[in-house]
Protein backbone atom coordinates (compact mmCIF):
# COMPACT_ATOMS: atom_id res chain seq x y z
CA MET A 1 -36.51 -8.99 -17.59
CA ALA A 2 -36.78 -5.83 -18.78
CA GLN A 3 -35.38 -7.04 -22.15
CA ALA A 4 -38.28 -9.32 -22.77
CA ALA A 5 -40.37 -6.52 -22.92
CA ARG A 6 -39.00 -4.94 -25.69
CA GLN A 7 -38.35 -7.46 -28.06
CA ASN A 8 -40.10 -6.97 -31.43
CA HIS A 9 -41.45 -9.95 -32.84
CA GLY A 10 -42.32 -9.20 -36.04
CA PRO A 11 -41.98 -10.40 -39.51
CA LEU A 12 -38.59 -8.00 -39.82
CA ALA A 13 -37.61 -8.68 -36.31
CA LEU A 14 -37.23 -12.40 -37.83
CA ILE A 15 -35.59 -11.57 -40.78
CA SER A 16 -33.29 -9.57 -39.06
CA THR A 17 -32.49 -12.02 -36.11
CA ALA A 18 -31.60 -14.57 -38.90
CA ILE A 19 -29.31 -12.35 -41.03
CA ASN A 20 -27.38 -10.72 -37.66
CA SER A 21 -26.78 -14.07 -36.45
CA ASP A 22 -24.04 -12.80 -34.04
CA GLY A 23 -26.44 -10.08 -32.52
CA LYS A 24 -24.48 -7.26 -33.81
CA ALA A 25 -26.24 -4.66 -36.36
CA HIS A 26 -24.46 -4.91 -39.85
CA PRO A 27 -25.67 -2.14 -42.11
CA VAL A 28 -23.45 -1.82 -44.78
CA GLU A 29 -23.24 -5.58 -45.35
CA ASN A 30 -27.23 -5.86 -44.81
CA GLY A 31 -27.74 -3.31 -47.52
CA LEU A 32 -24.86 -4.85 -49.95
CA ALA A 33 -27.09 -8.29 -49.42
CA ALA A 34 -30.55 -6.46 -50.06
CA VAL A 35 -28.97 -4.63 -53.01
CA THR A 36 -27.59 -7.89 -54.85
CA LEU A 37 -30.84 -9.45 -54.46
CA VAL A 38 -32.86 -6.86 -55.90
CA LEU A 39 -30.38 -6.44 -58.79
CA GLY A 40 -30.35 -10.02 -58.98
CA ALA A 41 -33.92 -10.34 -59.28
CA ILE A 42 -34.03 -7.29 -62.25
CA ALA A 43 -31.09 -8.89 -64.11
CA ALA A 44 -33.08 -12.63 -64.32
CA ILE A 45 -36.47 -11.20 -64.67
CA THR A 46 -35.68 -8.89 -67.93
CA SER A 47 -33.25 -11.23 -69.42
CA ALA A 48 -36.38 -13.00 -70.38
CA PHE A 49 -36.72 -10.38 -73.28
CA HIS A 50 -34.92 -9.91 -75.78
CA SER A 51 -34.90 -6.05 -76.04
CA LEU A 52 -34.18 -5.78 -72.77
CA HIS A 53 -30.64 -7.15 -72.69
CA LEU A 54 -29.32 -3.46 -71.67
CA VAL A 55 -31.20 -3.66 -68.56
CA SER A 56 -30.61 -7.34 -67.80
CA SER A 57 -26.37 -7.09 -68.27
CA TRP A 58 -25.57 -3.43 -66.91
CA THR A 59 -27.95 -4.78 -63.67
CA GLY A 60 -26.84 -8.39 -63.57
CA LEU A 61 -22.79 -6.47 -64.24
CA VAL A 62 -23.36 -4.00 -61.08
CA GLY A 63 -25.42 -6.84 -58.90
CA ILE A 64 -22.37 -9.26 -59.85
CA LEU A 65 -19.73 -6.31 -58.74
CA THR A 66 -21.91 -5.50 -55.71
CA GLY A 67 -22.25 -9.24 -54.67
CA ALA A 68 -18.76 -9.82 -54.52
CA TRP A 69 -17.98 -7.01 -52.77
CA GLY A 70 -20.91 -7.78 -50.04
CA GLN A 71 -18.84 -11.34 -50.16
CA PHE A 72 -15.62 -9.87 -49.27
CA ILE A 73 -17.19 -7.84 -45.98
CA SER A 74 -19.92 -10.19 -44.94
CA ALA A 75 -19.65 -10.85 -41.40
CA THR A 76 -22.34 -13.97 -41.28
CA THR A 77 -23.67 -16.78 -43.00
CA GLY A 78 -27.20 -15.35 -43.11
CA GLU A 79 -25.51 -12.79 -45.23
CA ARG A 80 -23.57 -14.81 -47.71
CA PHE A 81 -26.75 -16.77 -47.72
CA LEU A 82 -28.68 -13.86 -49.74
CA LEU A 83 -25.57 -12.97 -51.27
CA ILE A 84 -25.20 -16.13 -53.21
CA ILE A 85 -28.86 -16.25 -54.00
CA GLY A 86 -28.43 -12.82 -55.48
CA LEU A 87 -25.25 -13.38 -57.50
CA GLY A 88 -26.50 -16.23 -59.01
CA ALA A 89 -29.80 -14.23 -60.29
CA ALA A 90 -27.29 -11.59 -61.49
CA ALA A 91 -24.80 -13.66 -63.20
CA VAL A 92 -27.91 -15.62 -64.83
CA GLY A 93 -29.08 -12.11 -66.39
CA PHE A 94 -25.37 -10.92 -67.25
CA PHE A 95 -24.78 -14.09 -69.17
CA ILE A 96 -27.94 -14.27 -70.72
CA GLY A 97 -27.98 -10.17 -71.12
CA MET A 98 -24.81 -10.64 -73.26
CA ALA A 99 -25.70 -13.37 -75.35
CA HIS A 100 -28.98 -10.96 -76.47
CA GLY A 101 -26.97 -8.41 -77.07
CA GLY A 102 -24.64 -7.00 -74.93
CA LEU A 103 -24.00 -4.06 -72.42
CA PHE A 104 -23.93 -1.55 -75.71
CA GLY A 105 -26.80 -2.83 -77.57
CA GLY A 106 -24.52 -4.48 -80.08
CA VAL A 107 -23.03 -0.96 -81.72
CA VAL A 108 -21.33 -1.93 -84.52
CA GLY A 109 -18.28 0.46 -85.31
């Protein structure tokens, strides 16, 4: 019964329980999922602006790489769910950023 008194029932505890469904902490995997989500959101949002193609293409590329590594080492379904959402957003942002000018700003050599 002592465990029941120590439980935290806040929104972050609920998210943590959903992501770590096996009852163990996975700080590296959860960190990669969070970074992938943030990078994917940045890439997708900045891809709507033609002049921000450098930001969208680079954040999309890094988001794809972190998401792929996160998928490789993920331990739970909750982590994989967040990683796939972040990967999709990062890929959309990356490809639209590439269509708008690419990683190096369309430098002509």
